[in-house]
């Protein structure tokens, strides 16, 4: 059985946030002031409180946002929803973001993470692969989430390889290393 480890770490345009215990999500940069930028900052700060969620909703419903900023704000609200473990609502936001900007890698990575939470592992892997193909800004997080999905699908070799790839891409990140320690490698 997998041990779960919540992970949180912020960075400029993409961040990881605890949602599915151990899974990772990405925020999307919005600048220019207003509620949409504040929503981005809340997502980047790993906020999961109701006020931050409401702020993002107000930005989406009340601000005159460009298509790019609307898609990014939907992604950012999904980060907060994932942190609150409200996976269905996160998927709805991400579906809408992908409709607006089909090449938005963070939306696919987050939808993959949400699908891990929903136990939709095949769909999670497909979304994570798409996010990686589109140039996900933090690919280690997508590889880690793929490891979670593959492990729950029973493909332990692939799960180990995914965790290893995450660790190679981000050697200072302990979480994939901890997951790899649970595996016993046998010479075949």
N, C-alpha and C. Protein backbone atom coordinates (compact mmCIF):
# COMPACT_ATOMS: atom_id res chain seq x y z
N UNK A 1 0.85 -1.19 0.00
CA UNK A 1 0.00 0.00 0.00
C UNK A 1 0.88 1.24 0.00
N UNK A 2 0.51 2.24 -0.76
CA UNK A 2 1.30 3.44 -0.86
C UNK A 2 1.13 4.29 0.39
N UNK A 3 2.25 4.82 0.87
CA UNK A 3 2.19 5.82 1.93
C UNK A 3 1.95 7.16 1.27
N UNK A 4 1.10 7.98 1.84
CA UNK A 4 0.80 9.28 1.28
C UNK A 4 1.58 10.35 2.02
N UNK A 5 2.08 11.30 1.24
CA UNK A 5 2.84 12.41 1.80
C UNK A 5 2.35 13.69 1.15
N UNK A 6 1.71 14.58 1.90
CA UNK A 6 1.35 15.86 1.29
C UNK A 6 2.61 16.64 0.94
N UNK A 7 2.59 17.34 -0.16
CA UNK A 7 3.74 18.11 -0.64
C UNK A 7 3.29 19.53 -0.93
N UNK A 8 4.08 20.49 -0.49
CA UNK A 8 3.80 21.87 -0.84
C UNK A 8 5.10 22.59 -1.11
N UNK A 9 5.15 23.34 -2.22
CA UNK A 9 6.30 24.18 -2.53
C UNK A 9 5.90 25.17 -3.60
N UNK A 10 6.21 26.44 -3.42
CA UNK A 10 5.84 27.45 -4.39
C UNK A 10 7.00 27.81 -5.30
N UNK A 11 6.70 28.30 -6.49
CA UNK A 11 7.69 28.82 -7.41
C UNK A 11 6.96 29.77 -8.33
N UNK A 12 7.67 30.47 -9.23
CA UNK A 12 7.08 31.60 -9.95
C UNK A 12 5.82 31.27 -10.73
N UNK A 13 5.87 30.44 -11.72
CA UNK A 13 4.69 30.25 -12.57
C UNK A 13 3.97 28.94 -12.31
N UNK A 14 4.59 28.06 -11.60
CA UNK A 14 4.00 26.76 -11.34
C UNK A 14 4.24 26.43 -9.89
N UNK A 15 3.32 25.71 -9.26
CA UNK A 15 3.54 25.32 -7.89
C UNK A 15 2.98 23.95 -7.62
N UNK A 16 3.44 23.37 -6.57
CA UNK A 16 2.86 22.11 -6.12
C UNK A 16 2.03 22.41 -4.91
N UNK A 17 0.97 21.67 -4.74
CA UNK A 17 0.06 21.90 -3.61
C UNK A 17 -0.50 20.56 -3.17
N UNK A 18 -0.68 20.41 -1.90
CA UNK A 18 -1.27 19.17 -1.40
C UNK A 18 -2.72 19.10 -1.86
N UNK A 19 -3.13 17.98 -2.43
CA UNK A 19 -4.52 17.78 -2.84
C UNK A 19 -4.81 16.32 -2.75
N UNK A 20 -4.50 15.55 -3.76
CA UNK A 20 -4.46 14.12 -3.56
C UNK A 20 -3.22 13.97 -2.71
N UNK A 21 -3.29 13.31 -1.57
CA UNK A 21 -2.08 13.24 -0.77
C UNK A 21 -0.93 12.74 -1.62
N UNK A 22 0.06 13.58 -1.80
CA UNK A 22 1.22 13.21 -2.57
C UNK A 22 1.20 13.72 -4.00
N UNK A 23 0.03 13.96 -4.60
CA UNK A 23 -0.04 14.39 -5.98
C UNK A 23 0.26 15.88 -6.07
N UNK A 24 0.58 16.35 -7.27
CA UNK A 24 1.03 17.72 -7.44
C UNK A 24 0.23 18.44 -8.50
N UNK A 25 0.04 19.75 -8.32
CA UNK A 25 -0.70 20.59 -9.25
C UNK A 25 0.12 21.81 -9.62
N UNK A 26 -0.32 22.49 -10.67
CA UNK A 26 0.41 23.65 -11.16
C UNK A 26 -0.50 24.86 -11.25
N UNK A 27 0.01 26.03 -10.84
CA UNK A 27 -0.71 27.29 -10.98
C UNK A 27 -0.26 27.97 -12.27
N UNK A 28 -1.04 28.93 -12.72
CA UNK A 28 -0.73 29.62 -13.96
C UNK A 28 -0.66 31.12 -13.70
N UNK A 29 0.40 31.74 -14.15
CA UNK A 29 0.71 33.14 -13.86
C UNK A 29 -0.33 34.10 -14.44
N UNK A 30 -0.81 35.01 -13.60
CA UNK A 30 -1.69 36.11 -14.01
C UNK A 30 -1.11 37.37 -13.39
N UNK A 31 -0.84 38.38 -14.21
CA UNK A 31 -0.31 39.65 -13.73
C UNK A 31 -1.25 40.78 -14.11
N UNK A 32 -1.04 41.93 -13.56
CA UNK A 32 -1.82 43.09 -13.95
C UNK A 32 -2.76 43.59 -12.86
N UNK A 33 -2.64 43.04 -11.69
CA UNK A 33 -3.47 43.51 -10.59
C UNK A 33 -4.85 42.88 -10.61
N UNK A 34 -5.64 43.25 -9.64
CA UNK A 34 -7.01 42.77 -9.57
C UNK A 34 -7.13 41.42 -8.89
N UNK A 35 -8.35 40.94 -8.88
CA UNK A 35 -8.65 39.68 -8.18
C UNK A 35 -7.98 38.48 -8.84
N UNK A 36 -7.85 38.49 -10.16
CA UNK A 36 -7.23 37.35 -10.84
C UNK A 36 -5.77 37.18 -10.40
N UNK A 37 -5.05 38.29 -10.28
CA UNK A 37 -3.67 38.19 -9.80
C UNK A 37 -3.64 37.74 -8.34
N UNK A 38 -4.57 38.23 -7.55
CA UNK A 38 -4.65 37.80 -6.15
C UNK A 38 -4.98 36.31 -6.05
N UNK A 39 -5.81 35.83 -6.96
CA UNK A 39 -6.12 34.39 -7.01
C UNK A 39 -4.85 33.60 -7.32
N UNK A 40 -4.07 34.07 -8.28
CA UNK A 40 -2.79 33.42 -8.60
C UNK A 40 -1.89 33.37 -7.36
N UNK A 41 -1.80 34.50 -6.66
CA UNK A 41 -0.95 34.55 -5.48
C UNK A 41 -1.45 33.59 -4.40
N UNK A 42 -2.76 33.47 -4.26
CA UNK A 42 -3.32 32.53 -3.28
C UNK A 42 -2.98 31.09 -3.66
N UNK A 43 -3.11 30.77 -4.93
CA UNK A 43 -2.77 29.42 -5.38
C UNK A 43 -1.28 29.15 -5.19
N UNK A 44 -0.48 30.14 -5.52
CA UNK A 44 0.97 30.01 -5.37
C UNK A 44 1.37 29.82 -3.91
N UNK A 45 0.59 30.40 -3.00
CA UNK A 45 0.87 30.29 -1.56
C UNK A 45 0.23 29.05 -0.95
N UNK A 46 -0.31 28.19 -1.80
CA UNK A 46 -0.92 26.93 -1.34
C UNK A 46 -2.15 27.16 -0.48
N UNK A 47 -2.84 28.26 -0.69
CA UNK A 47 -4.05 28.55 0.08
C UNK A 47 -5.14 27.54 -0.26
N UNK A 48 -5.87 27.13 0.75
CA UNK A 48 -7.01 26.24 0.55
C UNK A 48 -8.24 26.75 1.29
N UNK A 49 -8.15 27.96 1.83
CA UNK A 49 -9.25 28.50 2.62
C UNK A 49 -10.39 28.97 1.72
N UNK A 50 -11.55 29.09 2.30
CA UNK A 50 -12.77 29.49 1.57
C UNK A 50 -12.63 30.89 0.99
N UNK A 51 -11.98 31.80 1.70
CA UNK A 51 -11.83 33.17 1.21
C UNK A 51 -11.01 33.19 -0.09
N UNK A 52 -9.98 32.38 -0.18
CA UNK A 52 -9.17 32.32 -1.40
C UNK A 52 -9.98 31.73 -2.56
N UNK A 53 -10.73 30.69 -2.26
CA UNK A 53 -11.59 30.09 -3.28
C UNK A 53 -12.62 31.11 -3.77
N UNK A 54 -13.24 31.84 -2.84
CA UNK A 54 -14.22 32.85 -3.22
C UNK A 54 -13.59 33.97 -4.04
N UNK A 55 -12.36 34.36 -3.69
CA UNK A 55 -11.64 35.38 -4.44
C UNK A 55 -11.48 34.95 -5.90
N UNK A 56 -11.08 33.72 -6.12
CA UNK A 56 -10.90 33.21 -7.49
C UNK A 56 -12.23 33.19 -8.23
N UNK A 57 -13.28 32.77 -7.55
CA UNK A 57 -14.60 32.73 -8.17
C UNK A 57 -15.05 34.13 -8.56
N UNK A 58 -14.84 35.09 -7.68
CA UNK A 58 -15.20 36.48 -8.00
C UNK A 58 -14.41 36.99 -9.21
N UNK A 59 -13.12 36.65 -9.27
CA UNK A 59 -12.31 37.08 -10.41
C UNK A 59 -12.88 36.51 -11.71
N UNK A 60 -13.25 35.24 -11.69
CA UNK A 60 -13.78 34.58 -12.88
C UNK A 60 -15.13 35.18 -13.27
N UNK A 61 -15.96 35.45 -12.30
CA UNK A 61 -17.33 35.91 -12.57
C UNK A 61 -17.44 37.41 -12.78
N UNK A 62 -16.54 38.21 -12.21
CA UNK A 62 -16.73 39.65 -12.22
C UNK A 62 -15.71 40.44 -13.02
N UNK A 63 -14.51 39.93 -13.18
CA UNK A 63 -13.49 40.70 -13.88
C UNK A 63 -13.57 40.46 -15.38
N UNK A 64 -13.24 41.48 -16.14
CA UNK A 64 -13.16 41.37 -17.60
C UNK A 64 -11.77 40.84 -17.94
N UNK A 65 -11.67 39.53 -18.02
CA UNK A 65 -10.37 38.88 -18.24
C UNK A 65 -10.20 38.49 -19.70
N UNK A 66 -8.96 38.59 -20.17
CA UNK A 66 -8.65 38.06 -21.49
C UNK A 66 -8.84 36.54 -21.45
N UNK A 67 -8.91 35.93 -22.60
CA UNK A 67 -9.04 34.47 -22.66
C UNK A 67 -7.89 33.81 -21.92
N UNK A 68 -6.69 34.32 -22.11
CA UNK A 68 -5.50 33.76 -21.45
C UNK A 68 -5.64 33.86 -19.93
N UNK A 69 -6.01 35.04 -19.44
CA UNK A 69 -6.11 35.23 -18.00
C UNK A 69 -7.29 34.46 -17.40
N UNK A 70 -8.37 34.32 -18.14
CA UNK A 70 -9.49 33.52 -17.65
C UNK A 70 -9.08 32.06 -17.52
N UNK A 71 -8.41 31.54 -18.54
CA UNK A 71 -7.94 30.15 -18.47
C UNK A 71 -6.98 29.97 -17.30
N UNK A 72 -6.06 30.91 -17.13
CA UNK A 72 -5.09 30.82 -16.04
C UNK A 72 -5.79 30.91 -14.68
N UNK A 73 -6.79 31.76 -14.57
CA UNK A 73 -7.50 31.89 -13.30
C UNK A 73 -8.30 30.62 -12.99
N UNK A 74 -8.84 29.98 -14.01
CA UNK A 74 -9.50 28.69 -13.81
C UNK A 74 -8.50 27.64 -13.32
N UNK A 75 -7.31 27.65 -13.89
CA UNK A 75 -6.26 26.74 -13.42
C UNK A 75 -5.92 27.04 -11.96
N UNK A 76 -5.80 28.32 -11.63
CA UNK A 76 -5.45 28.69 -10.26
C UNK A 76 -6.55 28.31 -9.27
N UNK A 77 -7.80 28.50 -9.68
CA UNK A 77 -8.88 28.07 -8.79
C UNK A 77 -8.85 26.55 -8.63
N UNK A 78 -8.46 25.83 -9.69
CA UNK A 78 -8.37 24.37 -9.59
C UNK A 78 -7.32 23.95 -8.57
N UNK A 79 -6.24 24.71 -8.46
CA UNK A 79 -5.21 24.41 -7.46
C UNK A 79 -5.82 24.46 -6.06
N UNK A 80 -6.60 25.49 -5.81
CA UNK A 80 -7.25 25.63 -4.50
C UNK A 80 -8.27 24.51 -4.29
N UNK A 81 -9.04 24.21 -5.33
CA UNK A 81 -10.02 23.12 -5.23
C UNK A 81 -9.32 21.78 -4.97
N UNK A 82 -8.20 21.55 -5.64
CA UNK A 82 -7.45 20.31 -5.42
C UNK A 82 -6.94 20.24 -3.98
N UNK A 83 -6.48 21.36 -3.48
CA UNK A 83 -6.02 21.41 -2.09
C UNK A 83 -7.14 21.11 -1.11
N UNK A 84 -8.36 21.44 -1.51
CA UNK A 84 -9.53 21.16 -0.68
C UNK A 84 -10.11 19.77 -0.97
N UNK A 85 -9.51 19.06 -1.92
CA UNK A 85 -9.94 17.72 -2.35
C UNK A 85 -11.34 17.72 -2.97
N UNK A 86 -11.64 18.80 -3.71
CA UNK A 86 -12.90 18.91 -4.43
C UNK A 86 -12.58 18.63 -5.91
N UNK A 87 -12.35 17.36 -6.20
CA UNK A 87 -11.81 16.95 -7.50
C UNK A 87 -12.76 17.18 -8.67
N UNK A 88 -14.05 16.89 -8.50
CA UNK A 88 -14.99 17.08 -9.60
C UNK A 88 -15.04 18.53 -10.06
N UNK A 89 -15.11 19.46 -9.11
CA UNK A 89 -15.14 20.88 -9.46
C UNK A 89 -13.83 21.31 -10.11
N UNK A 90 -12.73 20.77 -9.63
CA UNK A 90 -11.43 21.08 -10.26
C UNK A 90 -11.41 20.62 -11.71
N UNK A 91 -11.91 19.42 -11.96
CA UNK A 91 -11.95 18.91 -13.34
C UNK A 91 -12.82 19.81 -14.21
N UNK A 92 -13.95 20.26 -13.70
CA UNK A 92 -14.81 21.17 -14.49
C UNK A 92 -14.06 22.45 -14.85
N UNK A 93 -13.35 23.04 -13.89
CA UNK A 93 -12.56 24.24 -14.19
C UNK A 93 -11.49 23.94 -15.23
N UNK A 94 -10.84 22.81 -15.10
CA UNK A 94 -9.75 22.47 -16.01
C UNK A 94 -10.27 22.15 -17.40
N UNK A 95 -11.42 21.50 -17.49
CA UNK A 95 -12.02 21.27 -18.81
C UNK A 95 -12.29 22.60 -19.51
N UNK A 96 -12.80 23.55 -18.74
CA UNK A 96 -13.10 24.88 -19.31
C UNK A 96 -11.81 25.59 -19.71
N UNK A 97 -10.78 25.52 -18.87
CA UNK A 97 -9.48 26.13 -19.20
C UNK A 97 -8.91 25.53 -20.48
N UNK A 98 -9.03 24.21 -20.62
CA UNK A 98 -8.52 23.54 -21.82
C UNK A 98 -9.32 23.94 -23.06
N UNK A 99 -10.64 24.14 -22.90
CA UNK A 99 -11.44 24.64 -24.02
C UNK A 99 -10.94 26.00 -24.47
N UNK A 100 -10.60 26.85 -23.52
CA UNK A 100 -10.14 28.20 -23.83
C UNK A 100 -8.72 28.21 -24.39
N UNK A 101 -7.85 27.37 -23.82
CA UNK A 101 -6.44 27.34 -24.23
C UNK A 101 -5.97 25.89 -24.29
N UNK A 102 -6.20 25.22 -25.42
CA UNK A 102 -5.90 23.79 -25.54
C UNK A 102 -4.42 23.43 -25.37
N UNK A 103 -3.54 24.40 -25.42
CA UNK A 103 -2.11 24.12 -25.29
C UNK A 103 -1.57 24.46 -23.89
N UNK A 104 -2.45 24.68 -22.92
CA UNK A 104 -2.04 25.07 -21.57
C UNK A 104 -1.63 23.82 -20.77
N UNK A 105 -0.34 23.58 -20.72
CA UNK A 105 0.19 22.36 -20.10
C UNK A 105 -0.26 22.19 -18.65
N UNK A 106 -0.27 23.29 -17.89
CA UNK A 106 -0.64 23.21 -16.47
C UNK A 106 -2.05 22.66 -16.29
N UNK A 107 -2.95 22.97 -17.22
CA UNK A 107 -4.33 22.49 -17.11
C UNK A 107 -4.38 20.97 -17.22
N UNK A 108 -3.59 20.41 -18.13
CA UNK A 108 -3.56 18.95 -18.28
C UNK A 108 -2.92 18.28 -17.07
N UNK A 109 -1.83 18.88 -16.57
CA UNK A 109 -1.17 18.32 -15.39
C UNK A 109 -2.12 18.33 -14.20
N UNK A 110 -2.82 19.44 -13.99
CA UNK A 110 -3.76 19.51 -12.87
C UNK A 110 -4.92 18.55 -13.05
N UNK A 111 -5.42 18.44 -14.28
CA UNK A 111 -6.53 17.50 -14.51
C UNK A 111 -6.06 16.07 -14.26
N UNK A 112 -4.82 15.79 -14.62
CA UNK A 112 -4.27 14.47 -14.31
C UNK A 112 -4.21 14.24 -12.81
N UNK A 113 -3.79 15.25 -12.06
CA UNK A 113 -3.74 15.13 -10.60
C UNK A 113 -5.14 14.93 -10.03
N UNK A 114 -6.11 15.68 -10.55
CA UNK A 114 -7.49 15.53 -10.08
C UNK A 114 -8.01 14.14 -10.38
N UNK A 115 -7.66 13.61 -11.53
CA UNK A 115 -8.12 12.27 -11.90
C UNK A 115 -7.48 11.19 -11.02
N UNK A 116 -6.27 11.44 -10.55
CA UNK A 116 -5.70 10.52 -9.56
C UNK A 116 -6.59 10.53 -8.32
N UNK A 117 -6.99 11.72 -7.89
CA UNK A 117 -7.87 11.83 -6.73
C UNK A 117 -9.21 11.16 -6.94
N UNK A 118 -9.69 11.16 -8.18
CA UNK A 118 -10.96 10.53 -8.52
C UNK A 118 -10.80 9.04 -8.85
N UNK A 119 -9.59 8.54 -8.76
CA UNK A 119 -9.26 7.15 -9.06
C UNK A 119 -9.52 6.81 -10.54
N UNK A 120 -9.36 7.80 -11.40
CA UNK A 120 -9.49 7.63 -12.85
C UNK A 120 -8.07 7.56 -13.43
N UNK A 121 -7.38 6.48 -13.14
CA UNK A 121 -5.94 6.42 -13.37
C UNK A 121 -5.55 6.43 -14.85
N UNK A 122 -6.30 5.75 -15.72
CA UNK A 122 -5.96 5.78 -17.14
C UNK A 122 -6.06 7.20 -17.69
N UNK A 123 -7.15 7.89 -17.35
CA UNK A 123 -7.32 9.28 -17.78
C UNK A 123 -6.25 10.18 -17.19
N UNK A 124 -5.85 9.90 -15.96
CA UNK A 124 -4.79 10.68 -15.32
C UNK A 124 -3.49 10.57 -16.10
N UNK A 125 -3.13 9.34 -16.45
CA UNK A 125 -1.89 9.13 -17.20
C UNK A 125 -1.95 9.85 -18.55
N UNK A 126 -3.09 9.76 -19.24
CA UNK A 126 -3.23 10.43 -20.54
C UNK A 126 -3.07 11.95 -20.39
N UNK A 127 -3.70 12.53 -19.37
CA UNK A 127 -3.58 13.97 -19.16
C UNK A 127 -2.15 14.36 -18.79
N UNK A 128 -1.53 13.60 -17.93
CA UNK A 128 -0.16 13.91 -17.52
C UNK A 128 0.80 13.80 -18.71
N UNK A 129 0.60 12.78 -19.56
CA UNK A 129 1.42 12.66 -20.77
C UNK A 129 1.22 13.87 -21.68
N UNK A 130 -0.03 14.30 -21.81
CA UNK A 130 -0.32 15.47 -22.66
C UNK A 130 0.35 16.72 -22.09
N UNK A 131 0.25 16.91 -20.77
CA UNK A 131 0.90 18.05 -20.14
C UNK A 131 2.41 18.03 -20.35
N UNK A 132 3.01 16.85 -20.24
CA UNK A 132 4.45 16.73 -20.48
C UNK A 132 4.78 17.04 -21.94
N UNK A 133 3.98 16.53 -22.87
CA UNK A 133 4.22 16.78 -24.29
C UNK A 133 4.11 18.27 -24.63
N UNK A 134 3.27 18.98 -23.89
CA UNK A 134 3.11 20.43 -24.12
C UNK A 134 4.17 21.26 -23.39
N UNK A 135 5.05 20.60 -22.68
CA UNK A 135 6.14 21.32 -22.02
C UNK A 135 5.82 21.80 -20.62
N UNK A 136 5.22 20.94 -19.82
CA UNK A 136 4.89 21.29 -18.44
C UNK A 136 6.11 21.95 -17.78
N UNK A 137 5.91 23.12 -17.16
CA UNK A 137 7.03 23.86 -16.57
C UNK A 137 7.74 23.10 -15.45
N UNK A 138 7.05 22.21 -14.76
CA UNK A 138 7.66 21.41 -13.70
C UNK A 138 7.39 19.94 -13.98
N UNK A 139 8.12 19.36 -14.92
CA UNK A 139 7.83 17.99 -15.34
C UNK A 139 8.00 16.95 -14.23
N UNK A 140 8.83 17.21 -13.25
CA UNK A 140 9.03 16.24 -12.17
C UNK A 140 7.71 15.95 -11.46
N UNK A 141 6.90 16.97 -11.30
CA UNK A 141 5.62 16.78 -10.61
C UNK A 141 4.67 15.89 -11.42
N UNK A 142 4.68 16.07 -12.75
CA UNK A 142 3.84 15.23 -13.61
C UNK A 142 4.33 13.78 -13.57
N UNK A 143 5.64 13.58 -13.59
CA UNK A 143 6.17 12.22 -13.52
C UNK A 143 5.83 11.58 -12.18
N UNK A 144 5.88 12.34 -11.11
CA UNK A 144 5.51 11.81 -9.80
C UNK A 144 4.05 11.37 -9.79
N UNK A 145 3.16 12.23 -10.31
CA UNK A 145 1.74 11.88 -10.35
C UNK A 145 1.50 10.66 -11.25
N UNK A 146 2.27 10.56 -12.34
CA UNK A 146 2.17 9.35 -13.17
C UNK A 146 2.55 8.11 -12.37
N UNK A 147 3.56 8.24 -11.51
CA UNK A 147 3.94 7.12 -10.66
C UNK A 147 2.80 6.71 -9.75
N UNK A 148 2.10 7.67 -9.17
CA UNK A 148 0.94 7.36 -8.33
C UNK A 148 -0.11 6.59 -9.12
N UNK A 149 -0.41 7.08 -10.33
CA UNK A 149 -1.43 6.45 -11.17
C UNK A 149 -1.00 5.05 -11.59
N UNK A 150 0.24 4.91 -12.05
CA UNK A 150 0.70 3.59 -12.48
C UNK A 150 0.72 2.59 -11.32
N UNK A 151 1.08 3.07 -10.15
CA UNK A 151 1.09 2.18 -9.00
C UNK A 151 -0.32 1.67 -8.70
N UNK A 152 -1.29 2.58 -8.74
CA UNK A 152 -2.66 2.16 -8.48
C UNK A 152 -3.24 1.32 -9.61
N UNK A 153 -2.68 1.41 -10.80
CA UNK A 153 -3.07 0.54 -11.90
C UNK A 153 -2.41 -0.84 -11.81
N UNK A 154 -1.47 -0.98 -10.87
CA UNK A 154 -0.79 -2.26 -10.68
C UNK A 154 0.46 -2.42 -11.53
N UNK A 155 0.87 -1.38 -12.24
CA UNK A 155 2.08 -1.44 -13.07
C UNK A 155 3.24 -0.91 -12.23
N UNK A 156 3.77 -1.78 -11.37
CA UNK A 156 4.77 -1.36 -10.40
C UNK A 156 6.10 -0.98 -11.05
N UNK A 157 6.49 -1.67 -12.12
CA UNK A 157 7.74 -1.31 -12.79
C UNK A 157 7.64 0.09 -13.37
N UNK A 158 6.51 0.38 -14.02
CA UNK A 158 6.33 1.72 -14.59
C UNK A 158 6.26 2.77 -13.49
N UNK A 159 5.58 2.46 -12.39
CA UNK A 159 5.49 3.40 -11.27
C UNK A 159 6.89 3.72 -10.75
N UNK A 160 7.71 2.70 -10.55
CA UNK A 160 9.07 2.92 -10.08
C UNK A 160 9.84 3.80 -11.06
N UNK A 161 9.71 3.49 -12.36
CA UNK A 161 10.41 4.28 -13.38
C UNK A 161 9.94 5.74 -13.37
N UNK A 162 8.65 5.96 -13.15
CA UNK A 162 8.11 7.32 -13.09
C UNK A 162 8.68 8.08 -11.89
N UNK A 163 8.69 7.44 -10.73
CA UNK A 163 9.26 8.08 -9.53
C UNK A 163 10.74 8.38 -9.75
N UNK A 164 11.43 7.44 -10.39
CA UNK A 164 12.86 7.63 -10.66
C UNK A 164 13.08 8.83 -11.59
N UNK A 165 12.25 8.95 -12.62
CA UNK A 165 12.36 10.08 -13.55
C UNK A 165 12.10 11.39 -12.81
N UNK A 166 11.09 11.41 -11.94
CA UNK A 166 10.81 12.61 -11.15
C UNK A 166 12.02 12.98 -10.30
N UNK A 167 12.64 11.98 -9.70
CA UNK A 167 13.80 12.21 -8.86
C UNK A 167 15.00 12.70 -9.67
N UNK A 168 15.18 12.16 -10.87
CA UNK A 168 16.28 12.60 -11.73
C UNK A 168 16.09 14.05 -12.17
N UNK A 169 14.85 14.42 -12.47
CA UNK A 169 14.57 15.78 -12.93
C UNK A 169 14.70 16.81 -11.82
N UNK A 170 14.45 16.36 -10.60
CA UNK A 170 14.53 17.27 -9.44
C UNK A 170 15.18 16.54 -8.28
N UNK A 171 16.50 16.40 -8.31
CA UNK A 171 17.22 15.57 -7.33
C UNK A 171 17.04 16.00 -5.88
N UNK A 172 16.75 17.26 -5.63
CA UNK A 172 16.60 17.72 -4.24
C UNK A 172 15.23 17.38 -3.66
N UNK A 173 14.31 16.92 -4.47
CA UNK A 173 12.95 16.61 -4.04
C UNK A 173 12.92 15.23 -3.39
N UNK A 174 12.59 15.17 -2.14
CA UNK A 174 12.64 13.93 -1.37
C UNK A 174 11.45 12.99 -1.63
N UNK A 175 10.31 13.52 -1.96
CA UNK A 175 9.10 12.72 -2.08
C UNK A 175 9.23 11.53 -3.04
N UNK A 176 9.71 11.71 -4.28
CA UNK A 176 9.85 10.54 -5.15
C UNK A 176 10.87 9.53 -4.61
N UNK A 177 11.90 10.04 -3.96
CA UNK A 177 12.89 9.13 -3.36
C UNK A 177 12.24 8.27 -2.27
N UNK A 178 11.37 8.89 -1.47
CA UNK A 178 10.67 8.13 -0.44
C UNK A 178 9.79 7.05 -1.05
N UNK A 179 9.13 7.37 -2.15
CA UNK A 179 8.29 6.38 -2.82
C UNK A 179 9.14 5.23 -3.35
N UNK A 180 10.29 5.54 -3.93
CA UNK A 180 11.17 4.51 -4.49
C UNK A 180 11.70 3.56 -3.42
N UNK A 181 11.87 4.04 -2.20
CA UNK A 181 12.39 3.20 -1.12
C UNK A 181 11.46 2.04 -0.80
N UNK A 182 10.19 2.17 -1.15
CA UNK A 182 9.23 1.12 -0.85
C UNK A 182 9.32 -0.07 -1.81
N UNK A 183 10.08 0.08 -2.89
CA UNK A 183 10.20 -0.96 -3.89
C UNK A 183 11.43 -1.82 -3.64
N UNK A 184 11.30 -3.08 -3.94
CA UNK A 184 12.43 -4.01 -3.90
C UNK A 184 12.76 -4.38 -5.34
N UNK A 185 13.97 -4.10 -5.73
CA UNK A 185 14.39 -4.43 -7.09
C UNK A 185 15.01 -5.80 -7.12
N UNK A 186 14.59 -6.60 -8.09
CA UNK A 186 15.12 -7.96 -8.23
C UNK A 186 15.78 -8.09 -9.57
N UNK A 187 16.90 -8.78 -9.57
CA UNK A 187 17.59 -9.06 -10.83
C UNK A 187 16.81 -10.13 -11.56
N UNK A 188 16.56 -9.90 -12.85
CA UNK A 188 15.72 -10.81 -13.59
C UNK A 188 16.47 -11.76 -14.40
